[in-house]
Amino acid sequence: MAVSLKNPQDGGIDELSEINVTPFIDVMLVLLIIFMVAAPLSTVDIAVDLPVSNAQPQPRPDKPVFLTVKQDLSLALGNDEVPRSALQATLDSRTENDREQRVFLRADGAVAYSELMKVMNLLREAGYLKIALVGLEDTGQGAASNAATAPAPVAATEP
Protein backbone atom coordinates (compact mmCIF):
# COMPACT_ATOMS: atom_id res chain seq x y z
CA MET A 1 0.00 0.00 0.00
CA ALA A 2 1.34 3.43 -0.86
CA VAL A 3 0.98 6.66 1.04
CA SER A 4 0.83 10.15 -0.23
CA LEU A 5 2.23 13.00 1.78
CA LYS A 6 0.23 16.07 0.98
CA ASN A 7 0.53 19.11 3.13
CA PRO A 8 1.91 18.43 6.59
CA GLN A 9 -0.23 21.25 8.03
CA ASP A 10 -3.43 19.29 7.23
CA GLY A 11 -2.62 17.10 10.18
CA GLY A 12 -2.92 13.66 8.67
CA ILE A 13 -1.63 11.24 6.19
CA ASP A 14 -4.13 10.04 3.61
CA GLU A 15 -3.93 6.65 2.02
CA LEU A 16 -3.56 6.37 -1.72
CA SER A 17 -5.75 3.57 -3.06
CA GLU A 18 -4.15 3.36 -6.52
CA ILE A 19 -1.64 0.60 -7.22
CA ASN A 20 1.32 1.33 -9.47
CA VAL A 21 1.47 -1.71 -11.80
CA THR A 22 4.33 -0.54 -14.00
CA PRO A 23 7.06 -2.33 -12.00
CA PHE A 24 4.91 -5.48 -11.92
CA ILE A 25 4.54 -5.43 -15.73
CA ASP A 26 8.29 -4.89 -16.15
CA VAL A 27 9.09 -7.88 -13.94
CA MET A 28 6.58 -10.07 -15.80
CA LEU A 29 8.05 -9.12 -19.20
CA VAL A 30 11.57 -9.94 -18.00
CA LEU A 31 10.37 -13.32 -16.69
CA LEU A 32 8.58 -13.99 -19.98
CA ILE A 33 11.77 -13.34 -21.96
CA ILE A 34 13.79 -15.56 -19.60
CA PHE A 35 11.33 -18.45 -19.99
CA MET A 36 11.15 -18.02 -23.77
CA VAL A 37 14.95 -18.33 -23.99
CA ALA A 38 15.30 -21.13 -21.44
CA ALA A 39 12.44 -23.40 -22.61
CA PRO A 40 14.05 -24.62 -25.88
CA LEU A 41 17.36 -25.21 -24.12
CA SER A 42 15.79 -27.66 -21.69
CA THR A 43 14.76 -30.08 -24.47
CA VAL A 44 17.96 -30.22 -26.55
CA ASP A 45 20.01 -32.94 -24.84
CA ILE A 46 17.41 -35.64 -24.19
CA ALA A 47 18.47 -39.26 -24.69
CA VAL A 48 15.98 -40.98 -26.97
CA ASP A 49 15.33 -44.69 -27.46
CA LEU A 50 13.15 -44.74 -30.57
CA PRO A 51 10.41 -47.38 -30.58
CA VAL A 52 9.24 -49.62 -33.39
CA SER A 53 6.75 -47.81 -35.59
CA ASN A 54 3.13 -48.81 -35.37
CA ALA A 55 1.96 -46.64 -38.25
CA GLN A 56 -0.41 -48.08 -40.80
CA PRO A 57 1.49 -49.74 -43.67
CA GLN A 58 1.26 -47.83 -46.92
CA PRO A 59 0.08 -49.60 -50.07
CA ARG A 60 2.93 -50.94 -52.17
CA PRO A 61 3.19 -49.66 -55.76
CA ASP A 62 3.34 -52.06 -58.72
CA LYS A 63 7.10 -51.65 -59.21
CA PRO A 64 8.60 -50.29 -55.99
CA VAL A 65 12.14 -48.94 -55.97
CA PHE A 66 13.95 -50.30 -52.91
CA LEU A 67 17.27 -48.75 -51.91
CA THR A 68 19.02 -50.76 -49.20
CA VAL A 69 21.88 -49.66 -46.96
CA LYS A 70 23.68 -52.82 -45.92
CA GLN A 71 25.61 -53.38 -42.69
CA ASP A 72 28.92 -52.74 -44.50
CA LEU A 73 27.44 -49.38 -45.71
CA SER A 74 27.24 -50.51 -49.32
CA LEU A 75 24.12 -49.64 -51.32
CA ALA A 76 21.85 -51.96 -53.25
CA LEU A 77 19.07 -50.89 -55.60
CA GLY A 78 16.68 -53.81 -55.66
CA ASN A 79 19.03 -56.80 -55.72
CA ASP A 80 21.88 -55.05 -57.56
CA GLU A 81 24.89 -53.46 -55.87
CA VAL A 82 25.23 -49.75 -56.67
CA PRO A 83 28.27 -47.56 -55.97
CA ARG A 84 27.39 -44.25 -54.33
CA SER A 85 28.83 -42.30 -57.25
CA ALA A 86 26.50 -44.02 -59.73
CA LEU A 87 23.36 -43.83 -57.56
CA GLN A 88 21.69 -40.98 -59.47
CA ALA A 89 22.26 -42.55 -62.92
CA THR A 90 21.05 -45.95 -61.74
CA LEU A 91 17.95 -44.44 -60.11
CA ASP A 92 17.20 -42.42 -63.24
CA SER A 93 17.37 -45.52 -65.40
CA ARG A 94 15.28 -47.58 -62.95
CA THR A 95 12.57 -44.91 -62.59
CA GLU A 96 12.76 -43.70 -66.21
CA ASN A 97 13.74 -40.20 -64.97
CA ASP A 98 10.55 -39.94 -62.87
CA ARG A 99 11.86 -38.10 -59.83
CA GLU A 100 8.36 -37.91 -58.35
CA GLN A 101 8.41 -41.66 -57.81
CA ARG A 102 8.74 -42.75 -54.19
CA VAL A 103 12.00 -44.46 -53.17
CA PHE A 104 11.65 -47.02 -50.38
CA LEU A 105 14.73 -46.78 -48.16
CA ARG A 106 15.74 -49.78 -46.06
CA ALA A 107 18.69 -49.95 -43.70
CA ASP A 108 20.25 -52.62 -41.55
CA GLY A 109 19.76 -52.12 -37.82
CA ALA A 110 23.52 -51.78 -37.31
CA VAL A 111 23.78 -48.81 -39.70
CA ALA A 112 24.47 -45.58 -37.86
CA TYR A 113 21.92 -42.79 -38.10
CA SER A 114 24.53 -40.47 -39.62
CA GLU A 115 25.15 -42.93 -42.45
CA LEU A 116 21.42 -43.19 -43.14
CA MET A 117 21.25 -39.39 -43.32
CA LYS A 118 24.16 -39.36 -45.79
CA VAL A 119 22.20 -41.70 -48.08
CA MET A 120 19.11 -39.52 -47.74
CA ASN A 121 21.25 -36.51 -48.70
CA LEU A 122 22.48 -38.42 -51.76
CA LEU A 123 18.85 -39.05 -52.74
CA ARG A 124 17.99 -35.38 -52.26
CA GLU A 125 20.98 -34.30 -54.35
CA ALA A 126 19.82 -36.71 -57.06
CA GLY A 127 16.40 -35.02 -57.02
CA TYR A 128 14.41 -37.79 -55.32
CA LEU A 129 12.51 -36.05 -52.55
CA LYS A 130 9.80 -38.64 -51.91
CA ILE A 131 11.36 -41.17 -49.57
CA ALA A 132 9.55 -43.86 -47.60
CA LEU A 133 11.35 -45.48 -44.69
CA VAL A 134 10.81 -49.22 -44.54
CA GLY A 135 10.63 -51.09 -41.25
CA LEU A 136 9.03 -54.07 -39.63
CA GLU A 137 5.42 -53.70 -38.61
CA ASP A 138 4.87 -53.74 -34.84
CA THR A 139 2.29 -56.45 -34.22
CA GLY A 140 2.67 -56.28 -30.44
CA GLN A 141 3.73 -59.94 -30.21
CA GLY A 142 7.40 -59.36 -29.45
CA ALA A 143 10.68 -59.36 -31.31
CA ALA A 144 10.52 -63.04 -32.34
CA SER A 145 7.46 -62.54 -34.51
CA ASN A 146 8.80 -59.24 -35.89
CA ALA A 147 11.77 -61.05 -37.41
CA ALA A 148 9.44 -63.33 -39.35
CA THR A 149 7.22 -60.58 -40.74
CA ALA A 150 7.81 -59.10 -44.16
CA PRO A 151 9.09 -55.52 -44.21
CA ALA A 152 6.47 -52.91 -44.92
CA PRO A 153 6.81 -49.19 -45.58
CA VAL A 154 5.71 -47.58 -42.34
CA ALA A 155 6.57 -43.91 -42.75
CA ALA A 156 7.00 -41.52 -45.63
CA THR A 157 8.58 -38.10 -45.96
CA GLU A 158 7.31 -35.45 -48.30
CA PRO A 159 9.12 -32.27 -49.29
C-alpha atoms as a PDB file:
ATOM      1  CA  MET A   1       0.000   0.000   0.000  1.00  0.00           C
ATOM      2  CA  ALA A   2       1.337   3.431  -0.864  1.00  0.00           C
ATOM      3  CA  VAL A   3       0.984   6.656   1.038  1.00  0.00           C
ATOM      4  CA  SER A   4       0.828  10.151  -0.231  1.00  0.00           C
ATOM      5  CA  LEU A   5       2.228  13.001   1.777  1.00  0.00           C
ATOM      6  CA  LYS A   6       0.232  16.075   0.980  1.00  0.00           C
ATOM      7  CA  ASN A   7       0.529  19.112   3.125  1.00  0.00           C
ATOM      8  CA  PRO A   8       1.912  18.434   6.594  1.00  0.00           C
ATOM      9  CA  GLN A   9      -0.234  21.248   8.031  1.00  0.00           C
ATOM     10  CA  ASP A  10      -3.428  19.290   7.232  1.00  0.00           C
ATOM     11  CA  GLY A  11      -2.622  17.104  10.178  1.00  0.00           C
ATOM     12  CA  GLY A  12      -2.925  13.664   8.673  1.00  0.00           C
ATOM     13  CA  ILE A  13      -1.630  11.240   6.186  1.00  0.00           C
ATOM     14  CA  ASP A  14      -4.133  10.042   3.605  1.00  0.00           C
ATOM     15  CA  GLU A  15      -3.931   6.649   2.019  1.00  0.00           C
ATOM     16  CA  LEU A  16      -3.565   6.371  -1.720  1.00  0.00           C
ATOM     17  CA  SER A  17      -5.754   3.566  -3.065  1.00  0.00           C
ATOM     18  CA  GLU A  18      -4.154   3.358  -6.522  1.00  0.00           C
ATOM     19  CA  ILE A  19      -1.637   0.598  -7.220  1.00  0.00           C
ATOM     20  CA  ASN A  20       1.321   1.334  -9.465  1.00  0.00           C
ATOM     21  CA  VAL A  21       1.469  -1.706 -11.796  1.00  0.00           C
ATOM     22  CA  THR A  22       4.326  -0.537 -13.998  1.00  0.00           C
ATOM     23  CA  PRO A  23       7.060  -2.334 -12.004  1.00  0.00           C
ATOM     24  CA  PHE A  24       4.906  -5.477 -11.923  1.00  0.00           C
ATOM     25  CA  ILE A  25       4.540  -5.426 -15.730  1.00  0.00           C
ATOM     26  CA  ASP A  26       8.292  -4.886 -16.153  1.00  0.00           C
ATOM     27  CA  VAL A  27       9.089  -7.882 -13.939  1.00  0.00           C
ATOM     28  CA  MET A  28       6.576 -10.065 -15.797  1.00  0.00           C
ATOM     29  CA  LEU A  29       8.050  -9.118 -19.204  1.00  0.00           C
ATOM     30  CA  VAL A  30      11.568  -9.938 -18.000  1.00  0.00           C
ATOM     31  CA  LEU A  31      10.373 -13.319 -16.689  1.00  0.00           C
ATOM     32  CA  LEU A  32       8.582 -13.993 -19.985  1.00  0.00           C
ATOM     33  CA  ILE A  33      11.766 -13.342 -21.957  1.00  0.00           C
ATOM     34  CA  ILE A  34      13.794 -15.563 -19.603  1.00  0.00           C
ATOM     35  CA  PHE A  35      11.334 -18.452 -19.995  1.00  0.00           C
ATOM     36  CA  MET A  36      11.154 -18.017 -23.772  1.00  0.00           C
ATOM     37  CA  VAL A  37      14.945 -18.327 -23.988  1.00  0.00           C
ATOM     38  CA  ALA A  38      15.296 -21.133 -21.436  1.00  0.00           C
ATOM     39  CA  ALA A  39      12.443 -23.398 -22.609  1.00  0.00           C
ATOM     40  CA  PRO A  40      14.047 -24.618 -25.877  1.00  0.00           C
ATOM     41  CA  LEU A  41      17.364 -25.210 -24.118  1.00  0.00           C
ATOM     42  CA  SER A  42      15.793 -27.664 -21.691  1.00  0.00           C
ATOM     43  CA  THR A  43      14.765 -30.083 -24.467  1.00  0.00           C
ATOM     44  CA  VAL A  44      17.956 -30.223 -26.554  1.00  0.00           C
ATOM     45  CA  ASP A  45      20.006 -32.937 -24.839  1.00  0.00           C
ATOM     46  CA  ILE A  46      17.415 -35.643 -24.187  1.00  0.00           C
ATOM     47  CA  ALA A  47      18.469 -39.257 -24.687  1.00  0.00           C
ATOM     48  CA  VAL A  48      15.978 -40.977 -26.971  1.00  0.00           C
ATOM     49  CA  ASP A  49      15.331 -44.687 -27.465  1.00  0.00           C
ATOM     50  CA  LEU A  50      13.151 -44.739 -30.565  1.00  0.00           C
ATOM     51  CA  PRO A  51      10.408 -47.381 -30.580  1.00  0.00           C
ATOM     52  CA  VAL A  52       9.239 -49.619 -33.390  1.00  0.00           C
ATOM     53  CA  SER A  53       6.748 -47.814 -35.594  1.00  0.00           C
ATOM     54  CA  ASN A  54       3.127 -48.812 -35.369  1.00  0.00           C
ATOM     55  CA  ALA A  55       1.960 -46.635 -38.250  1.00  0.00           C
ATOM     56  CA  GLN A  56      -0.406 -48.079 -40.798  1.00  0.00           C
ATOM     57  CA  PRO A  57       1.493 -49.740 -43.673  1.00  0.00           C
ATOM     58  CA  GLN A  58       1.264 -47.827 -46.919  1.00  0.00           C
ATOM     59  CA  PRO A  59       0.082 -49.600 -50.070  1.00  0.00           C
ATOM     60  CA  ARG A  60       2.929 -50.937 -52.165  1.00  0.00           C
ATOM     61  CA  PRO A  61       3.186 -49.663 -55.761  1.00  0.00           C
ATOM     62  CA  ASP A  62       3.342 -52.061 -58.722  1.00  0.00           C
ATOM     63  CA  LYS A  63       7.097 -51.655 -59.214  1.00  0.00           C
ATOM     64  CA  PRO A  64       8.602 -50.288 -55.986  1.00  0.00           C
ATOM     65  CA  VAL A  65      12.139 -48.940 -55.966  1.00  0.00           C
ATOM     66  CA  PHE A  66      13.947 -50.302 -52.907  1.00  0.00           C
ATOM     67  CA  LEU A  67      17.270 -48.746 -51.910  1.00  0.00           C
ATOM     68  CA  THR A  68      19.016 -50.761 -49.203  1.00  0.00           C
ATOM     69  CA  VAL A  69      21.880 -49.656 -46.964  1.00  0.00           C
ATOM     70  CA  LYS A  70      23.685 -52.816 -45.917  1.00  0.00           C
ATOM     71  CA  GLN A  71      25.612 -53.376 -42.695  1.00  0.00           C
ATOM     72  CA  ASP A  72      28.925 -52.736 -44.496  1.00  0.00           C
ATOM     73  CA  LEU A  73      27.443 -49.375 -45.707  1.00  0.00           C
ATOM     74  CA  SER A  74      27.238 -50.510 -49.322  1.00  0.00           C
ATOM     75  CA  LEU A  75      24.119 -49.639 -51.323  1.00  0.00           C
ATOM     76  CA  ALA A  76      21.853 -51.964 -53.254  1.00  0.00           C
ATOM     77  CA  LEU A  77      19.070 -50.887 -55.596  1.00  0.00           C
ATOM     78  CA  GLY A  78      16.677 -53.806 -55.660  1.00  0.00           C
ATOM     79  CA  ASN A  79      19.030 -56.804 -55.723  1.00  0.00           C
ATOM     80  CA  ASP A  80      21.882 -55.047 -57.561  1.00  0.00           C
ATOM     81  CA  GLU A  81      24.890 -53.465 -55.873  1.00  0.00           C
ATOM     82  CA  VAL A  82      25.234 -49.754 -56.673  1.00  0.00           C
ATOM     83  CA  PRO A  83      28.266 -47.561 -55.970  1.00  0.00           C
ATOM     84  CA  ARG A  84      27.391 -44.247 -54.332  1.00  0.00           C
ATOM     85  CA  SER A  85      28.831 -42.300 -57.254  1.00  0.00           C
ATOM     86  CA  ALA A  86      26.495 -44.023 -59.731  1.00  0.00           C
ATOM     87  CA  LEU A  87      23.361 -43.828 -57.556  1.00  0.00           C
ATOM     88  CA  GLN A  88      21.692 -40.982 -59.474  1.00  0.00           C
ATOM     89  CA  ALA A  89      22.259 -42.550 -62.916  1.00  0.00           C
ATOM     90  CA  THR A  90      21.047 -45.946 -61.738  1.00  0.00           C
ATOM     91  CA  LEU A  91      17.950 -44.445 -60.108  1.00  0.00           C
ATOM     92  CA  ASP A  92      17.196 -42.420 -63.237  1.00  0.00           C
ATOM     93  CA  SER A  93      17.370 -45.524 -65.404  1.00  0.00           C
ATOM     94  CA  ARG A  94      15.285 -47.580 -62.953  1.00  0.00           C
ATOM     95  CA  THR A  95      12.568 -44.911 -62.589  1.00  0.00           C
ATOM     96  CA  GLU A  96      12.760 -43.702 -66.208  1.00  0.00           C
ATOM     97  CA  ASN A  97      13.736 -40.203 -64.966  1.00  0.00           C
ATOM     98  CA  ASP A  98      10.547 -39.937 -62.871  1.00  0.00           C
ATOM     99  CA  ARG A  99      11.863 -38.105 -59.827  1.00  0.00           C
ATOM    100  CA  GLU A 100       8.358 -37.907 -58.347  1.00  0.00           C
ATOM    101  CA  GLN A 101       8.405 -41.660 -57.810  1.00  0.00           C
ATOM    102  CA  ARG A 102       8.736 -42.749 -54.194  1.00  0.00           C
ATOM    103  CA  VAL A 103      12.002 -44.456 -53.172  1.00  0.00           C
ATOM    104  CA  PHE A 104      11.648 -47.024 -50.378  1.00  0.00           C
ATOM    105  CA  LEU A 105      14.726 -46.778 -48.157  1.00  0.00           C
ATOM    106  CA  ARG A 106      15.739 -49.781 -46.062  1.00  0.00           C
ATOM    107  CA  ALA A 107      18.690 -49.951 -43.700  1.00  0.00           C
ATOM    108  CA  ASP A 108      20.248 -52.620 -41.551  1.00  0.00           C
ATOM    109  CA  GLY A 109      19.758 -52.119 -37.819  1.00  0.00           C
ATOM    110  CA  ALA A 110      23.523 -51.779 -37.313  1.00  0.00           C
ATOM    111  CA  VAL A 111      23.778 -48.808 -39.699  1.00  0.00           C
ATOM    112  CA  ALA A 112      24.472 -45.578 -37.856  1.00  0.00           C
ATOM    113  CA  TYR A 113      21.922 -42.788 -38.105  1.00  0.00           C
ATOM    114  CA  SER A 114      24.527 -40.466 -39.615  1.00  0.00           C
ATOM    115  CA  GLU A 115      25.152 -42.933 -42.454  1.00  0.00           C
ATOM    116  CA  LEU A 116      21.423 -43.190 -43.143  1.00  0.00           C
ATOM    117  CA  MET A 117      21.252 -39.390 -43.319  1.00  0.00           C
ATOM    118  CA  LYS A 118      24.159 -39.357 -45.794  1.00  0.00           C
ATOM    119  CA  VAL A 119      22.202 -41.704 -48.076  1.00  0.00           C
ATOM    120  CA  MET A 120      19.114 -39.524 -47.736  1.00  0.00           C
ATOM    121  CA  ASN A 121      21.250 -36.507 -48.696  1.00  0.00           C
ATOM    122  CA  LEU A 122      22.476 -38.425 -51.763  1.00  0.00           C
ATOM    123  CA  LEU A 123      18.851 -39.051 -52.736  1.00  0.00           C
ATOM    124  CA  ARG A 124      17.991 -35.383 -52.256  1.00  0.00           C
ATOM    125  CA  GLU A 125      20.981 -34.299 -54.353  1.00  0.00           C
ATOM    126  CA  ALA A 126      19.819 -36.709 -57.062  1.00  0.00           C
ATOM    127  CA  GLY A 127      16.404 -35.016 -57.020  1.00  0.00           C
ATOM    128  CA  TYR A 128      14.413 -37.787 -55.323  1.00  0.00           C
ATOM    129  CA  LEU A 129      12.505 -36.052 -52.550  1.00  0.00           C
ATOM    130  CA  LYS A 130       9.798 -38.642 -51.908  1.00  0.00           C
ATOM    131  CA  ILE A 131      11.359 -41.168 -49.572  1.00  0.00           C
ATOM    132  CA  ALA A 132       9.555 -43.860 -47.604  1.00  0.00           C
ATOM    133  CA  LEU A 133      11.348 -45.481 -44.693  1.00  0.00           C
ATOM    134  CA  VAL A 134      10.805 -49.220 -44.535  1.00  0.00           C
ATOM    135  CA  GLY A 135      10.630 -51.087 -41.254  1.00  0.00           C
ATOM    136  CA  LEU A 136       9.031 -54.067 -39.630  1.00  0.00           C
ATOM    137  CA  GLU A 137       5.425 -53.699 -38.606  1.00  0.00           C
ATOM    138  CA  ASP A 138       4.869 -53.741 -34.840  1.00  0.00           C
ATOM    139  CA  THR A 139       2.292 -56.445 -34.219  1.00  0.00           C
ATOM    140  CA  GLY A 140       2.668 -56.275 -30.444  1.00  0.00           C
ATOM    141  CA  GLN A 141       3.732 -59.940 -30.214  1.00  0.00           C
ATOM    142  CA  GLY A 142       7.401 -59.359 -29.445  1.00  0.00           C
ATOM    143  CA  ALA A 143      10.679 -59.363 -31.314  1.00  0.00           C
ATOM    144  CA  ALA A 144      10.520 -63.036 -32.339  1.00  0.00           C
ATOM    145  CA  SER A 145       7.462 -62.541 -34.508  1.00  0.00           C
ATOM    146  CA  ASN A 146       8.801 -59.242 -35.886  1.00  0.00           C
ATOM    147  CA  ALA A 147      11.772 -61.052 -37.411  1.00  0.00           C
ATOM    148  CA  ALA A 148       9.438 -63.329 -39.353  1.00  0.00           C
ATOM    149  CA  THR A 149       7.220 -60.578 -40.738  1.00  0.00           C
ATOM    150  CA  ALA A 150       7.812 -59.102 -44.163  1.00  0.00           C
ATOM    151  CA  PRO A 151       9.091 -55.517 -44.209  1.00  0.00           C
ATOM    152  CA  ALA A 152       6.472 -52.913 -44.920  1.00  0.00           C
ATOM    153  CA  PRO A 153       6.811 -49.185 -45.575  1.00  0.00           C
ATOM    154  CA  VAL A 154       5.705 -47.578 -42.336  1.00  0.00           C
ATOM    155  CA  ALA A 155       6.566 -43.913 -42.752  1.00  0.00           C
ATOM    156  CA  ALA A 156       7.004 -41.525 -45.635  1.00  0.00           C
ATOM    157  CA  THR A 157       8.576 -38.105 -45.958  1.00  0.00           C
ATOM    158  CA  GLU A 158       7.311 -35.449 -48.297  1.00  0.00           C
ATOM    159  CA  PRO A 159       9.123 -32.266 -49.289  1.00  0.00           C
END
